[in-house]
Every structure is written in C-alpha cells, then in structure tokens.
Amino acid sequence: MDIQTLTAFFMWCTIVNVALLAWAMMWFVLAPDFTYRMQSRFFPLPRETHNVVIYAFLGLYKLGIMVFNVAPWAALLIIA
C-alpha cells in the first residue's frame, strides 16, 4: 500500500467520523428532550447523569477521531 492510498484512506475516515460526530451533536444539542426520552427507555438514568454520559461520549469520540484519524492523516501529509 502506498502513501497516497493511506492518505486518502485516513482523509475519508476523518470526513466520515466528523460527519457522524456532527450528526450526534446536532441531535443532542437541538433535541435534548427527545434523545433523553429515547435513551431512558433502554437505560433509566437521571437527567443529570444522562447529560454527563452524553457529553463524555462526545468528548471521547472527538478525542478518538483526533488520535486515530486526524493525526495519522496529518503525519502522512507531512511525509508525502
């Protein structure tokens, strides 16, 4: 596998994951009551705990995108 293929792979991984993150953030920011009602059917948590879990998930997902998608993509762009 050559560097151009890897660079394109990590670029598309970054685009897809950032789009998923934006989609999830849109739901949790614009429709918090709806998401709480839907999630509380499966996981009965108090509203405050739910908010903490959601924001922690979004933060960890964003960190994962940075570490596993953006950093390798940037490194490949630098060495290419």
PDB file of N, CA and C in Angstrom:
ATOM      1  N   MET A   1       0.852  -1.176   0.000  1.00  0.00           N
ATOM      2  CA  MET A   1       0.000   0.000   0.000  1.00  0.00           C
ATOM      3  C   MET A   1       0.894   1.234   0.000  1.00  0.00           C
ATOM      4  N   ASP A   2       0.611   2.159  -0.883  1.00  0.00           N
ATOM      5  CA  ASP A   2       1.456   3.347  -0.980  1.00  0.00           C
ATOM      6  C   ASP A   2       0.915   4.486  -0.109  1.00  0.00           C
ATOM      7  N   ILE A   3       1.723   5.531   0.015  1.00  0.00           N
ATOM      8  CA  ILE A   3       1.392   6.648   0.905  1.00  0.00           C
ATOM      9  C   ILE A   3       0.146   7.389   0.428  1.00  0.00           C
ATOM     10  N   GLN A   4      -0.046   7.529  -0.867  1.00  0.00           N
ATOM     11  CA  GLN A   4      -1.224   8.246  -1.374  1.00  0.00           C
ATOM     12  C   GLN A   4      -2.511   7.511  -1.016  1.00  0.00           C
ATOM     13  N   THR A   5      -2.487   6.191  -1.092  1.00  0.00           N
ATOM     14  CA  THR A   5      -3.668   5.406  -0.728  1.00  0.00           C
ATOM     15  C   THR A   5      -3.970   5.540   0.755  1.00  0.00           C
ATOM     16  N   LEU A   6      -2.941   5.453   1.586  1.00  0.00           N
ATOM     17  CA  LEU A   6      -3.136   5.618   3.032  1.00  0.00           C
ATOM     18  C   LEU A   6      -3.625   7.023   3.364  1.00  0.00           C
ATOM     19  N   THR A   7      -3.088   8.021   2.698  1.00  0.00           N
ATOM     20  CA  THR A   7      -3.511   9.397   2.933  1.00  0.00           C
ATOM     21  C   THR A   7      -4.986   9.572   2.580  1.00  0.00           C
ATOM     22  N   ALA A   8      -5.393   9.035   1.442  1.00  0.00           N
ATOM     23  CA  ALA A   8      -6.801   9.117   1.042  1.00  0.00           C
ATOM     24  C   ALA A   8      -7.686   8.351   2.013  1.00  0.00           C
ATOM     25  N   PHE A   9      -7.221   7.185   2.482  1.00  0.00           N
ATOM     26  CA  PHE A   9      -7.985   6.398   3.453  1.00  0.00           C
ATOM     27  C   PHE A   9      -8.234   7.185   4.736  1.00  0.00           C
ATOM     28  N   PHE A  10      -7.177   7.751   5.304  1.00  0.00           N
ATOM     29  CA  PHE A  10      -7.339   8.500   6.551  1.00  0.00           C
ATOM     30  C   PHE A  10      -8.124   9.785   6.340  1.00  0.00           C
ATOM     31  N   MET A  11      -8.033  10.384   5.169  1.00  0.00           N
ATOM     32  CA  MET A  11      -8.839  11.568   4.881  1.00  0.00           C
ATOM     33  C   MET A  11     -10.321  11.209   4.902  1.00  0.00           C
ATOM     34  N   TRP A  12     -10.693  10.118   4.231  1.00  0.00           N
ATOM     35  CA  TRP A  12     -12.101   9.730   4.207  1.00  0.00           C
ATOM     36  C   TRP A  12     -12.582   9.229   5.566  1.00  0.00           C
ATOM     37  N   CYS A  13     -11.718   8.563   6.317  1.00  0.00           N
ATOM     38  CA  CYS A  13     -12.081   8.173   7.684  1.00  0.00           C
ATOM     39  C   CYS A  13     -12.377   9.406   8.532  1.00  0.00           C
ATOM     40  N   THR A  14     -11.564  10.435   8.382  1.00  0.00           N
ATOM     41  CA  THR A  14     -11.774  11.676   9.125  1.00  0.00           C
ATOM     42  C   THR A  14     -13.079  12.334   8.719  1.00  0.00           C
ATOM     43  N   ILE A  15     -13.349  12.400   7.430  1.00  0.00           N
ATOM     44  CA  ILE A  15     -14.588  13.031   6.955  1.00  0.00           C
ATOM     45  C   ILE A  15     -15.814  12.295   7.478  1.00  0.00           C
ATOM     46  N   VAL A  16     -15.819  10.969   7.377  1.00  0.00           N
ATOM     47  CA  VAL A  16     -16.967  10.179   7.827  1.00  0.00           C
ATOM     48  C   VAL A  16     -17.159  10.317   9.335  1.00  0.00           C
ATOM     49  N   ASN A  17     -16.073  10.227  10.104  1.00  0.00           N
ATOM     50  CA  ASN A  17     -16.204  10.299  11.557  1.00  0.00           C
ATOM     51  C   ASN A  17     -16.605  11.693  12.039  1.00  0.00           C
ATOM     52  N   VAL A  18     -16.106  12.739  11.400  1.00  0.00           N
ATOM     53  CA  VAL A  18     -16.512  14.095  11.782  1.00  0.00           C
ATOM     54  C   VAL A  18     -17.983  14.320  11.429  1.00  0.00           C
ATOM     55  N   ALA A  19     -18.431  13.760  10.313  1.00  0.00           N
ATOM     56  CA  ALA A  19     -19.848  13.867   9.950  1.00  0.00           C
ATOM     57  C   ALA A  19     -20.725  13.149  10.973  1.00  0.00           C
ATOM     58  N   LEU A  20     -20.309  11.967  11.414  1.00  0.00           N
ATOM     59  CA  LEU A  20     -21.070  11.250  12.448  1.00  0.00           C
ATOM     60  C   LEU A  20     -21.075  12.016  13.768  1.00  0.00           C
ATOM     61  N   LEU A  21     -19.940  12.600  14.115  1.00  0.00           N
ATOM     62  CA  LEU A  21     -19.872  13.401  15.336  1.00  0.00           C
ATOM     63  C   LEU A  21     -20.789  14.609  15.240  1.00  0.00           C
ATOM     64  N   ALA A  22     -20.796  15.281  14.103  1.00  0.00           N
ATOM     65  CA  ALA A  22     -21.668  16.443  13.919  1.00  0.00           C
ATOM     66  C   ALA A  22     -23.135  16.039  13.977  1.00  0.00           C
ATOM     67  N   TRP A  23     -23.461  14.902  13.385  1.00  0.00           N
ATOM     68  CA  TRP A  23     -24.838  14.411  13.409  1.00  0.00           C
ATOM     69  C   TRP A  23     -25.276  14.113  14.849  1.00  0.00           C
ATOM     70  N   ALA A  24     -24.425  13.437  15.616  1.00  0.00           N
ATOM     71  CA  ALA A  24     -24.747  13.124  17.008  1.00  0.00           C
ATOM     72  C   ALA A  24     -24.861  14.393  17.848  1.00  0.00           C
ATOM     73  N   MET A  25     -23.946  15.332  17.644  1.00  0.00           N
ATOM     74  CA  MET A  25     -24.006  16.586  18.400  1.00  0.00           C
ATOM     75  C   MET A  25     -25.266  17.363  18.062  1.00  0.00           C
ATOM     76  N   MET A  26     -25.664  17.329  16.793  1.00  0.00           N
ATOM     77  CA  MET A  26     -26.894  18.017  16.386  1.00  0.00           C
ATOM     78  C   MET A  26     -28.091  17.462  17.151  1.00  0.00           C
ATOM     79  N   TRP A  27     -28.197  16.137  17.249  1.00  0.00           N
ATOM     80  CA  TRP A  27     -29.312  15.549  17.973  1.00  0.00           C
ATOM     81  C   TRP A  27     -29.270  15.903  19.463  1.00  0.00           C
ATOM     82  N   PHE A  28     -28.102  15.829  20.057  1.00  0.00           N
ATOM     83  CA  PHE A  28     -28.004  16.062  21.496  1.00  0.00           C
ATOM     84  C   PHE A  28     -28.128  17.529  21.867  1.00  0.00           C
ATOM     85  N   VAL A  29     -27.831  18.422  20.946  1.00  0.00           N
ATOM     86  CA  VAL A  29     -27.931  19.855  21.239  1.00  0.00           C
ATOM     87  C   VAL A  29     -29.313  20.400  20.857  1.00  0.00           C
ATOM     88  N   LEU A  30     -29.809  20.001  19.696  1.00  0.00           N
ATOM     89  CA  LEU A  30     -31.075  20.558  19.213  1.00  0.00           C
ATOM     90  C   LEU A  30     -32.313  19.835  19.743  1.00  0.00           C
ATOM     91  N   ALA A  31     -32.178  18.576  20.113  1.00  0.00           N
ATOM     92  CA  ALA A  31     -33.331  17.816  20.607  1.00  0.00           C
ATOM     93  C   ALA A  31     -32.964  17.035  21.860  1.00  0.00           C
ATOM     94  N   PRO A  32     -32.572  17.734  22.934  1.00  0.00           N
ATOM     95  CA  PRO A  32     -32.124  17.003  24.128  1.00  0.00           C
ATOM     96  C   PRO A  32     -33.249  16.225  24.810  1.00  0.00           C
ATOM     97  N   ASP A  33     -34.467  16.762  24.803  1.00  0.00           N
ATOM     98  CA  ASP A  33     -35.573  16.039  25.442  1.00  0.00           C
ATOM     99  C   ASP A  33     -35.898  14.755  24.690  1.00  0.00           C
ATOM    100  N   PHE A  34     -35.903  14.828  23.369  1.00  0.00           N
ATOM    101  CA  PHE A  34     -36.176  13.646  22.559  1.00  0.00           C
ATOM    102  C   PHE A  34     -35.127  12.568  22.788  1.00  0.00           C
ATOM    103  N   THR A  35     -33.858  12.954  22.773  1.00  0.00           N
ATOM    104  CA  THR A  35     -32.804  11.957  22.972  1.00  0.00           C
ATOM    105  C   THR A  35     -32.855  11.382  24.387  1.00  0.00           C
ATOM    106  N   TYR A  36     -33.191  12.209  25.364  1.00  0.00           N
ATOM    107  CA  TYR A  36     -33.296  11.690  26.729  1.00  0.00           C
ATOM    108  C   TYR A  36     -34.435  10.692  26.838  1.00  0.00           C
ATOM    109  N   ARG A  37     -35.588  11.024  26.255  1.00  0.00           N
ATOM    110  CA  ARG A  37     -36.731  10.103  26.304  1.00  0.00           C
ATOM    111  C   ARG A  37     -36.411   8.785  25.607  1.00  0.00           C
ATOM    112  N   MET A  38     -35.753   8.863  24.450  1.00  0.00           N
ATOM    113  CA  MET A  38     -35.419   7.644  23.717  1.00  0.00           C
ATOM    114  C   MET A  38     -34.405   6.788  24.482  1.00  0.00           C
ATOM    115  N   GLN A  39     -33.392   7.411  25.037  1.00  0.00           N
ATOM    116  CA  GLN A  39     -32.376   6.657  25.754  1.00  0.00           C
ATOM    117  C   GLN A  39     -32.869   6.146  27.103  1.00  0.00           C
ATOM    118  N   SER A  40     -33.770   6.885  27.737  1.00  0.00           N
ATOM    119  CA  SER A  40     -34.255   6.451  29.060  1.00  0.00           C
ATOM    120  C   SER A  40     -35.147   5.219  28.955  1.00  0.00           C
ATOM    121  N   ARG A  41     -35.618   4.899  27.776  1.00  0.00           N
ATOM    122  CA  ARG A  41     -36.359   3.641  27.604  1.00  0.00           C
ATOM    123  C   ARG A  41     -35.444   2.441  27.797  1.00  0.00           C
ATOM    124  N   PHE A  42     -34.191   2.569  27.388  1.00  0.00           N
ATOM    125  CA  PHE A  42     -33.236   1.473  27.484  1.00  0.00           C
ATOM    126  C   PHE A  42     -32.375   1.549  28.738  1.00  0.00           C
ATOM    127  N   PHE A  43     -32.015   2.756  29.123  1.00  0.00           N
ATOM    128  CA  PHE A  43     -31.129   2.968  30.269  1.00  0.00           C
ATOM    129  C   PHE A  43     -31.763   3.995  31.195  1.00  0.00           C
ATOM    130  N   PRO A  44     -32.463   3.560  32.233  1.00  0.00           N
ATOM    131  CA  PRO A  44     -33.115   4.524  33.134  1.00  0.00           C
ATOM    132  C   PRO A  44     -32.092   5.247  34.009  1.00  0.00           C
ATOM    133  N   LEU A  45     -31.734   6.456  33.598  1.00  0.00           N
ATOM    134  CA  LEU A  45     -30.782   7.284  34.330  1.00  0.00           C
ATOM    135  C   LEU A  45     -31.423   8.620  34.643  1.00  0.00           C
ATOM    136  N   PRO A  46     -31.007   9.259  35.717  1.00  0.00           N
ATOM    137  CA  PRO A  46     -31.452  10.639  35.943  1.00  0.00           C
ATOM    138  C   PRO A  46     -30.946  11.557  34.831  1.00  0.00           C
ATOM    139  N   ARG A  47     -31.645  12.656  34.632  1.00  0.00           N
ATOM    140  CA  ARG A  47     -31.311  13.572  33.534  1.00  0.00           C
ATOM    141  C   ARG A  47     -29.880  14.103  33.639  1.00  0.00           C
ATOM    142  N   GLU A  48     -29.431  14.428  34.835  1.00  0.00           N
ATOM    143  CA  GLU A  48     -28.083  14.969  35.006  1.00  0.00           C
ATOM    144  C   GLU A  48     -27.030  13.927  34.637  1.00  0.00           C
ATOM    145  N   THR A  49     -27.244  12.693  35.047  1.00  0.00           N
ATOM    146  CA  THR A  49     -26.307  11.619  34.709  1.00  0.00           C
ATOM    147  C   THR A  49     -26.305  11.377  33.209  1.00  0.00           C
ATOM    148  N   HIS A  50     -27.464  11.412  32.606  1.00  0.00           N
ATOM    149  CA  HIS A  50     -27.571  11.244  31.157  1.00  0.00           C
ATOM    150  C   HIS A  50     -26.755  12.311  30.427  1.00  0.00           C
ATOM    151  N   ASN A  51     -26.882  13.556  30.855  1.00  0.00           N
ATOM    152  CA  ASN A  51     -26.132  14.638  30.224  1.00  0.00           C
ATOM    153  C   ASN A  51     -24.626  14.430  30.347  1.00  0.00           C
ATOM    154  N   VAL A  52     -24.190  14.011  31.519  1.00  0.00           N
ATOM    155  CA  VAL A  52     -22.758  13.774  31.723  1.00  0.00           C
ATOM    156  C   VAL A  52     -22.274  12.642  30.824  1.00  0.00           C
ATOM    157  N   VAL A  53     -23.044  11.570  30.738  1.00  0.00           N
ATOM    158  CA  VAL A  53     -22.661  10.437  29.900  1.00  0.00           C
ATOM    159  C   VAL A  53     -22.592  10.852  28.436  1.00  0.00           C
ATOM    160  N   ILE A  54     -23.573  11.600  27.969  1.00  0.00           N
ATOM    161  CA  ILE A  54     -23.605  12.017  26.569  1.00  0.00           C
ATOM    162  C   ILE A  54     -22.420  12.921  26.249  1.00  0.00           C
ATOM    163  N   TYR A  55     -22.159  13.916  27.078  1.00  0.00           N
ATOM    164  CA  TYR A  55     -21.059  14.826  26.808  1.00  0.00           C
ATOM    165  C   TYR A  55     -19.701  14.140  26.935  1.00  0.00           C
ATOM    166  N   ALA A  56     -19.597  13.177  27.852  1.00  0.00           N
ATOM    167  CA  ALA A  56     -18.360  12.404  27.952  1.00  0.00           C
ATOM    168  C   ALA A  56     -18.165  11.552  26.698  1.00  0.00           C
ATOM    169  N   PHE A  57     -19.242  10.945  26.214  1.00  0.00           N
ATOM    170  CA  PHE A  57     -19.163  10.155  24.986  1.00  0.00           C
ATOM    171  C   PHE A  57     -18.731  11.015  23.805  1.00  0.00           C
ATOM    172  N   LEU A  58     -19.340  12.180  23.664  1.00  0.00           N
ATOM    173  CA  LEU A  58     -18.979  13.066  22.559  1.00  0.00           C
ATOM    174  C   LEU A  58     -17.525  13.510  22.655  1.00  0.00           C
ATOM    175  N   GLY A  59     -17.078  13.817  23.855  1.00  0.00           N
ATOM    176  CA  GLY A  59     -15.679  14.222  24.049  1.00  0.00           C
ATOM    177  C   GLY A  59     -14.704  13.098  23.740  1.00  0.00           C
ATOM    178  N   LEU A  60     -15.011  11.891  24.196  1.00  0.00           N
ATOM    179  CA  LEU A  60     -14.129  10.759  23.916  1.00  0.00           C
ATOM    180  C   LEU A  60     -14.129  10.400  22.434  1.00  0.00           C
ATOM    181  N   TYR A  61     -15.293  10.515  21.803  1.00  0.00           N
ATOM    182  CA  TYR A  61     -15.369  10.230  20.371  1.00  0.00           C
ATOM    183  C   TYR A  61     -14.542  11.256  19.585  1.00  0.00           C
ATOM    184  N   LYS A  62     -14.645  12.520  19.995  1.00  0.00           N
ATOM    185  CA  LYS A  62     -13.849  13.561  19.331  1.00  0.00           C
ATOM    186  C   LYS A  62     -12.355  13.323  19.546  1.00  0.00           C
ATOM    187  N   LEU A  63     -11.974  12.936  20.733  1.00  0.00           N
ATOM    188  CA  LEU A  63     -10.574  12.628  21.015  1.00  0.00           C
ATOM    189  C   LEU A  63     -10.102  11.431  20.185  1.00  0.00           C
ATOM    190  N   GLY A  64     -10.955  10.422  20.060  1.00  0.00           N
ATOM    191  CA  GLY A  64     -10.613   9.266  19.240  1.00  0.00           C
ATOM    192  C   GLY A  64     -10.431   9.630  17.779  1.00  0.00           C
ATOM    193  N   ILE A  65     -11.264  10.531  17.286  1.00  0.00           N
ATOM    194  CA  ILE A  65     -11.116  10.997  15.905  1.00  0.00           C
ATOM    195  C   ILE A  65      -9.777  11.694  15.727  1.00  0.00           C
ATOM    196  N   MET A  66      -9.425  12.529  16.682  1.00  0.00           N
ATOM    197  CA  MET A  66      -8.151  13.251  16.586  1.00  0.00           C
ATOM    198  C   MET A  66      -6.955  12.300  16.617  1.00  0.00           C
ATOM    199  N   VAL A  67      -6.998  11.317  17.495  1.00  0.00           N
ATOM    200  CA  VAL A  67      -5.851  10.418  17.668  1.00  0.00           C
ATOM    201  C   VAL A  67      -5.757   9.401  16.534  1.00  0.00           C
ATOM    202  N   PHE A  68      -6.888   8.800  16.152  1.00  0.00           N
ATOM    203  CA  PHE A  68      -6.841   7.683  15.209  1.00  0.00           C
ATOM    204  C   PHE A  68      -7.128   8.059  13.757  1.00  0.00           C
ATOM    205  N   ASN A  69      -7.577   9.285  13.499  1.00  0.00           N
ATOM    206  CA  ASN A  69      -7.847   9.691  12.122  1.00  0.00           C
ATOM    207  C   ASN A  69      -7.047  10.923  11.699  1.00  0.00           C
ATOM    208  N   VAL A  70      -7.168  11.993  12.467  1.00  0.00           N
ATOM    209  CA  VAL A  70      -6.541  13.256  12.060  1.00  0.00           C
ATOM    210  C   VAL A  70      -5.017  13.199  12.199  1.00  0.00           C
ATOM    211  N   ALA A  71      -4.519  12.654  13.300  1.00  0.00           N
ATOM    212  CA  ALA A  71      -3.071  12.601  13.495  1.00  0.00           C
ATOM    213  C   ALA A  71      -2.368  11.741  12.435  1.00  0.00           C
ATOM    214  N   PRO A  72      -2.855  10.533  12.130  1.00  0.00           N
ATOM    215  CA  PRO A  72      -2.188   9.780  11.054  1.00  0.00           C
ATOM    216  C   PRO A  72      -2.309  10.459   9.695  1.00  0.00           C
ATOM    217  N   TRP A  73      -3.449  11.078   9.432  1.00  0.00           N
ATOM    218  CA  TRP A  73      -3.634  11.786   8.163  1.00  0.00           C
ATOM    219  C   TRP A  73      -2.639  12.937   8.052  1.00  0.00           C
ATOM    220  N   ALA A  74      -2.502  13.735   9.134  1.00  0.00           N
ATOM    221  CA  ALA A  74      -1.561  14.852   9.131  1.00  0.00           C
ATOM    222  C   ALA A  74      -0.126  14.349   8.980  1.00  0.00           C
ATOM    223  N   ALA A  75       0.212  13.259   9.653  1.00  0.00           N
ATOM    224  CA  ALA A  75       1.569  12.718   9.537  1.00  0.00           C
ATOM    225  C   ALA A  75       1.854  12.256   8.108  1.00  0.00           C
ATOM    226  N   LEU A  76       0.877  11.630   7.470  1.00  0.00           N
ATOM    227  CA  LEU A  76       1.064  11.188   6.095  1.00  0.00           C
ATOM    228  C   LEU A  76       1.172  12.384   5.131  1.00  0.00           C
ATOM    229  N   LEU A  77       0.420  13.443   5.413  1.00  0.00           N
ATOM    230  CA  LEU A  77       0.537  14.639   4.589  1.00  0.00           C
ATOM    231  C   LEU A  77       1.917  15.275   4.719  1.00  0.00           C
ATOM    232  N   ILE A  78       2.463  15.240   5.918  1.00  0.00           N
ATOM    233  CA  ILE A  78       3.783  15.823   6.157  1.00  0.00           C
ATOM    234  C   ILE A  78       4.878  15.036   5.451  1.00  0.00           C
ATOM    235  N   ILE A  79       4.815  13.714   5.512  1.00  0.00           N
ATOM    236  CA  ILE A  79       5.902  12.913   4.927  1.00  0.00           C
ATOM    237  C   ILE A  79       5.730  12.700   3.418  1.00  0.00           C
ATOM    238  N   ALA A  80       4.548  13.002   2.897  1.00  0.00           N
ATOM    239  CA  ALA A  80       4.323  12.763   1.454  1.00  0.00           C
ATOM    240  C   ALA A  80       5.026  13.790   0.589  1.00  0.00           C
TER     241      ALA A  80
END
